[in-house]
Each structure stands twice: as C-alpha cells, then as structure tokens.
Protein backbone atom coordinates (compact mmCIF):
# COMPACT_ATOMS: atom_id res chain seq x y z
CA MET A 1 21.88 -35.07 23.34
CA LEU A 2 22.73 -38.08 21.16
CA ASP A 3 23.08 -37.35 17.45
CA ARG A 4 21.23 -40.59 16.63
CA LEU A 5 18.25 -39.06 18.41
CA PHE A 6 18.71 -35.41 17.55
CA LEU A 7 19.29 -35.53 13.80
CA PRO A 8 16.10 -37.58 13.03
CA ILE A 9 14.09 -35.34 15.25
CA LEU A 10 15.54 -32.24 13.46
CA GLY A 11 14.73 -33.89 9.99
CA ALA A 12 11.16 -34.64 11.04
CA ALA A 13 10.72 -31.08 12.35
CA THR A 14 12.10 -29.65 9.07
CA VAL A 15 9.74 -31.82 6.97
CA LEU A 16 6.85 -30.81 9.18
CA ALA A 17 7.69 -27.09 8.77
CA ILE A 18 7.90 -27.31 5.14
CA GLY A 19 4.60 -29.13 4.99
CA LEU A 20 2.95 -26.60 7.14
CA ALA A 21 4.34 -23.81 4.94
CA LEU A 22 2.83 -25.41 1.93
CA VAL A 23 -0.66 -25.56 3.34
CA TRP A 24 -0.98 -22.83 5.90
CA PRO A 25 -2.86 -19.65 4.77
CA GLN A 26 -0.36 -16.78 3.95
CA GLY A 27 -2.13 -14.13 5.76
CA LEU A 28 -1.73 -10.80 4.20
CA GLY A 29 0.44 -12.19 1.34
CA ALA A 30 -0.30 -14.35 -1.62
CA ARG A 31 -2.97 -17.10 -1.46
CA SER A 32 -1.89 -20.65 -0.51
CA PRO A 33 -1.70 -23.18 -3.27
CA GLY A 34 -4.38 -25.63 -4.24
CA PRO A 35 -7.52 -26.15 -2.25
CA PHE A 36 -6.05 -24.39 0.85
CA GLY A 37 -6.14 -20.97 1.99
CA HIS A 38 -8.45 -18.13 1.01
CA THR A 39 -8.34 -14.83 -0.71
CA PRO A 40 -6.35 -12.58 1.54
CA VAL A 41 -8.42 -9.70 3.01
CA GLN A 42 -6.28 -7.04 1.42
CA GLN A 43 -7.10 -8.46 -2.01
CA THR A 44 -10.95 -8.22 -1.71
CA PRO A 45 -12.50 -5.36 -3.83
CA GLU A 46 -14.04 -3.71 -0.60
CA MET A 47 -10.62 -3.62 1.26
CA LYS A 48 -8.78 -2.21 -1.95
CA ALA A 49 -11.40 0.40 -2.10
CA ALA A 50 -11.03 1.23 1.53
CA MET A 51 -7.23 1.36 1.38
CA LYS A 52 -7.39 3.61 -1.63
CA ARG A 53 -9.77 6.01 0.23
CA GLN A 54 -7.30 5.96 3.29
CA ALA A 55 -4.28 6.64 1.04
CA ASP A 56 -6.04 9.48 -0.83
CA ALA A 57 -7.09 11.06 2.58
CA ALA A 58 -3.56 10.83 3.83
CA GLN A 59 -2.26 12.39 0.69
CA ARG A 60 -4.84 15.22 1.04
CA GLU A 61 -3.69 15.75 4.66
CA VAL A 62 0.03 15.80 3.57
CA GLU A 63 -0.68 18.41 0.92
CA ALA A 64 -2.70 20.47 3.48
CA ALA A 65 0.19 20.33 5.91
CA ARG A 66 2.58 21.36 3.21
CA ALA A 67 0.41 24.30 2.29
CA ALA A 68 0.10 25.53 5.77
CA VAL A 69 3.97 25.38 6.22
CA ARG A 70 4.39 27.25 2.98
CA ASP A 71 1.84 29.87 3.99
CA ALA A 72 3.55 30.12 7.48
CA GLN A 73 6.92 30.63 5.63
CA THR A 74 5.59 33.23 3.27
CA GLN A 75 4.14 35.24 6.11
CA ALA A 76 7.25 35.04 8.11
CA ILE A 77 9.40 36.31 5.17
CA ALA A 78 6.95 39.01 4.11
CA PRO A 79 4.56 39.87 6.92
CA SER A 80 1.42 41.52 5.63
CA GLN A 81 0.36 44.87 7.24
C-alpha cells in the first residue's frame, strides 16, 4: 500500500480512537469526563453493599474451611477415644 494513502488513514484512525476513548463510557472503571458516561455499576451504593456482603460471605467460608482443616489435623495427630 502506498505511504501517501496509508499514513493519512493511520493518522485519521488514531485521532478517531483517541476521540472515542474520551467519550466512551469506561464500563467498570472511572466515569467518562464531561457530560458523557454514567456512574459505573460498581460505584452505586446498592452494588457496593452487595459486593461487601459477598466478600464477607467468602471470608466466612474461608474461615470455616480453615477451621475444618485445623480440626481434621488435630484429630489426625491426637485421635479421641
């Protein structure tokens, strides 16, 4: 492909990509600047509360699993009669 054709197309595509990045909603990350975008779902109070409940439940499951392993190891070392 000729450089006279390819480089201007590449430059236009670059400008278009940068422009799109400025206005496209950021999804799960930070809000887009200016009037564009919306508050990301993860930053709403309802979702933050749900994520905290899920993290707390996962932490309780991890602690329960660790306690079960600890009990099993204790019984293996000193079995009760």
